[in-house]
C-alpha atoms as a PDB file:
ATOM      1  CA  MET A   1      37.795 -27.447  -7.426  1.00  0.00           C
ATOM      2  CA  ARG A   2      39.107 -27.332 -10.993  1.00  0.00           C
ATOM      3  CA  PRO A   3      36.600 -26.678 -13.770  1.00  0.00           C
ATOM      4  CA  THR A   4      36.025 -29.645 -16.035  1.00  0.00           C
ATOM      5  CA  ILE A   5      35.892 -29.542 -19.825  1.00  0.00           C
ATOM      6  CA  GLU A   6      32.142 -30.110 -19.529  1.00  0.00           C
ATOM      7  CA  SER A   7      31.667 -27.079 -17.271  1.00  0.00           C
ATOM      8  CA  LYS A   8      33.998 -24.924 -19.389  1.00  0.00           C
ATOM      9  CA  LEU A   9      31.817 -25.690 -22.434  1.00  0.00           C
ATOM     10  CA  TYR A  10      29.091 -23.542 -20.880  1.00  0.00           C
ATOM     11  CA  GLU A  11      31.307 -20.439 -20.729  1.00  0.00           C
ATOM     12  CA  PRO A  12      30.696 -18.049 -23.641  1.00  0.00           C
ATOM     13  CA  GLY A  13      33.757 -17.736 -25.853  1.00  0.00           C
ATOM     14  CA  TRP A  14      35.558 -20.783 -24.485  1.00  0.00           C
ATOM     15  CA  ALA A  15      34.415 -23.513 -26.855  1.00  0.00           C
ATOM     16  CA  GLY A  16      35.142 -21.749 -30.137  1.00  0.00           C
ATOM     17  CA  GLN A  17      33.804 -23.650 -33.120  1.00  0.00           C
ATOM     18  CA  LEU A  18      30.961 -25.885 -31.909  1.00  0.00           C
ATOM     19  CA  THR A  19      29.688 -29.215 -33.115  1.00  0.00           C
ATOM     20  CA  TYR A  20      25.942 -29.771 -33.354  1.00  0.00           C
ATOM     21  CA  GLY A  21      25.945 -31.901 -30.193  1.00  0.00           C
ATOM     22  CA  GLU A  22      27.835 -29.295 -28.170  1.00  0.00           C
ATOM     23  CA  ALA A  23      25.457 -26.550 -29.309  1.00  0.00           C
ATOM     24  CA  VAL A  24      22.433 -28.625 -28.293  1.00  0.00           C
ATOM     25  CA  LYS A  25      23.979 -29.294 -24.849  1.00  0.00           C
ATOM     26  CA  ILE A  26      24.573 -25.560 -24.383  1.00  0.00           C
ATOM     27  CA  GLN A  27      21.050 -24.784 -25.610  1.00  0.00           C
ATOM     28  CA  ASP A  28      19.541 -27.163 -23.055  1.00  0.00           C
ATOM     29  CA  LYS A  29      21.703 -25.741 -20.261  1.00  0.00           C
ATOM     30  CA  ILE A  30      20.754 -22.157 -21.189  1.00  0.00           C
ATOM     31  CA  TYR A  31      17.081 -23.139 -21.228  1.00  0.00           C
ATOM     32  CA  GLY A  32      17.262 -24.816 -17.835  1.00  0.00           C
ATOM     33  CA  ASP A  33      19.649 -22.575 -15.874  1.00  0.00           C
ATOM     34  CA  ILE A  34      18.998 -18.846 -15.438  1.00  0.00           C
ATOM     35  CA  ARG A  35      22.635 -18.204 -14.423  1.00  0.00           C
ATOM     36  CA  VAL A  36      23.953 -19.715 -17.638  1.00  0.00           C
ATOM     37  CA  ARG A  37      21.311 -17.785 -19.625  1.00  0.00           C
ATOM     38  CA  ARG A  38      22.562 -14.534 -18.091  1.00  0.00           C
ATOM     39  CA  MET A  39      26.207 -15.461 -18.751  1.00  0.00           C
ATOM     40  CA  TRP A  40      25.379 -15.969 -22.430  1.00  0.00           C
ATOM     41  CA  LYS A  41      23.293 -12.737 -22.402  1.00  0.00           C
ATOM     42  CA  PHE A  42      20.090 -14.307 -23.663  1.00  0.00           C
ATOM     43  CA  LYS A  43      16.763 -12.787 -22.687  1.00  0.00           C
ATOM     44  CA  GLY A  44      13.378 -14.446 -22.653  1.00  0.00           C
ATOM     45  CA  LYS A  45      12.396 -17.919 -21.576  1.00  0.00           C
ATOM     46  CA  GLY A  46      12.537 -19.970 -24.775  1.00  0.00           C
ATOM     47  CA  LYS A  47      15.440 -21.921 -26.188  1.00  0.00           C
ATOM     48  CA  PRO A  48      17.874 -19.700 -28.094  1.00  0.00           C
ATOM     49  CA  ALA A  49      18.703 -20.567 -31.696  1.00  0.00           C
ATOM     50  CA  LEU A  50      21.752 -22.764 -32.224  1.00  0.00           C
ATOM     51  CA  VAL A  51      23.181 -20.190 -34.622  1.00  0.00           C
ATOM     52  CA  ARG A  52      23.040 -17.484 -31.938  1.00  0.00           C
ATOM     53  CA  ILE A  53      24.751 -19.804 -29.488  1.00  0.00           C
ATOM     54  CA  ALA A  54      27.495 -20.511 -32.033  1.00  0.00           C
ATOM     55  CA  GLU A  55      28.054 -16.780 -32.575  1.00  0.00           C
ATOM     56  CA  ARG A  56      28.544 -16.221 -28.856  1.00  0.00           C
ATOM     57  CA  ALA A  57      30.712 -19.290 -28.460  1.00  0.00           C
ATOM     58  CA  PHE A  58      33.147 -17.995 -31.100  1.00  0.00           C
ATOM     59  CA  PRO A  59      33.034 -14.174 -30.763  1.00  0.00           C
ATOM     60  CA  GLU A  60      36.319 -13.733 -32.627  1.00  0.00           C
ATOM     61  CA  ASN A  61      34.574 -14.655 -35.890  1.00  0.00           C
ATOM     62  CA  PRO A  62      30.786 -14.822 -35.481  1.00  0.00           C
ATOM     63  CA  GLN A  63      30.156 -14.938 -39.240  1.00  0.00           C
ATOM     64  CA  PHE A  64      32.285 -18.076 -39.575  1.00  0.00           C
ATOM     65  CA  ALA A  65      30.611 -19.577 -36.489  1.00  0.00           C
ATOM     66  CA  ARG A  66      27.184 -18.926 -38.026  1.00  0.00           C
ATOM     67  CA  LYS A  67      28.137 -20.589 -41.330  1.00  0.00           C
ATOM     68  CA  ASN A  68      29.681 -23.533 -39.513  1.00  0.00           C
ATOM     69  CA  MET A  69      26.575 -24.091 -37.375  1.00  0.00           C
ATOM     70  CA  VAL A  70      24.279 -23.984 -40.420  1.00  0.00           C
ATOM     71  CA  SER A  71      26.497 -26.668 -41.979  1.00  0.00           C
ATOM     72  CA  GLU A  72      26.402 -28.715 -38.753  1.00  0.00           C
ATOM     73  CA  ILE A  73      22.596 -28.493 -38.621  1.00  0.00           C
ATOM     74  CA  ARG A  74      22.300 -29.620 -42.253  1.00  0.00           C
ATOM     75  CA  ARG A  75      24.783 -32.446 -41.708  1.00  0.00           C
ATOM     76  CA  ASN A  76      22.869 -33.643 -38.655  1.00  0.00           C
ATOM     77  CA  ALA A  77      19.558 -33.512 -40.560  1.00  0.00           C
ATOM     78  CA  ASN A  78      21.055 -35.566 -43.403  1.00  0.00           C
ATOM     79  CA  GLU A  79      22.381 -38.173 -40.955  1.00  0.00           C
ATOM     80  CA  ARG A  80      18.952 -38.499 -39.356  1.00  0.00           C
ATOM     81  CA  LYS A  81      17.364 -39.026 -42.796  1.00  0.00           C
ATOM     82  CA  LYS A  82      19.841 -41.827 -43.546  1.00  0.00           C
ATOM     83  CA  CYS A  83      18.884 -43.613 -40.322  1.00  0.00           C
ATOM     84  CA  MET A  84      15.187 -43.693 -41.213  1.00  0.00           C
END
């Protein structure tokens, strides 16, 4: 069975630069699936920070991934404010 884009998203290092929605999907999967949590090398039982997920999704340039995710989080917050 060939892996789908959706399943590949959950592999650390595959996705590269994440959108806010992709990071939240990964966060939920890590929180709910111990195997995925181990793959991403997260310890503990809580939800990992989106910034940490972004760093592991784009290991070639974690500093850029961190800055990008902060921008994505701010952009998403601004969009939610506009809807209210």
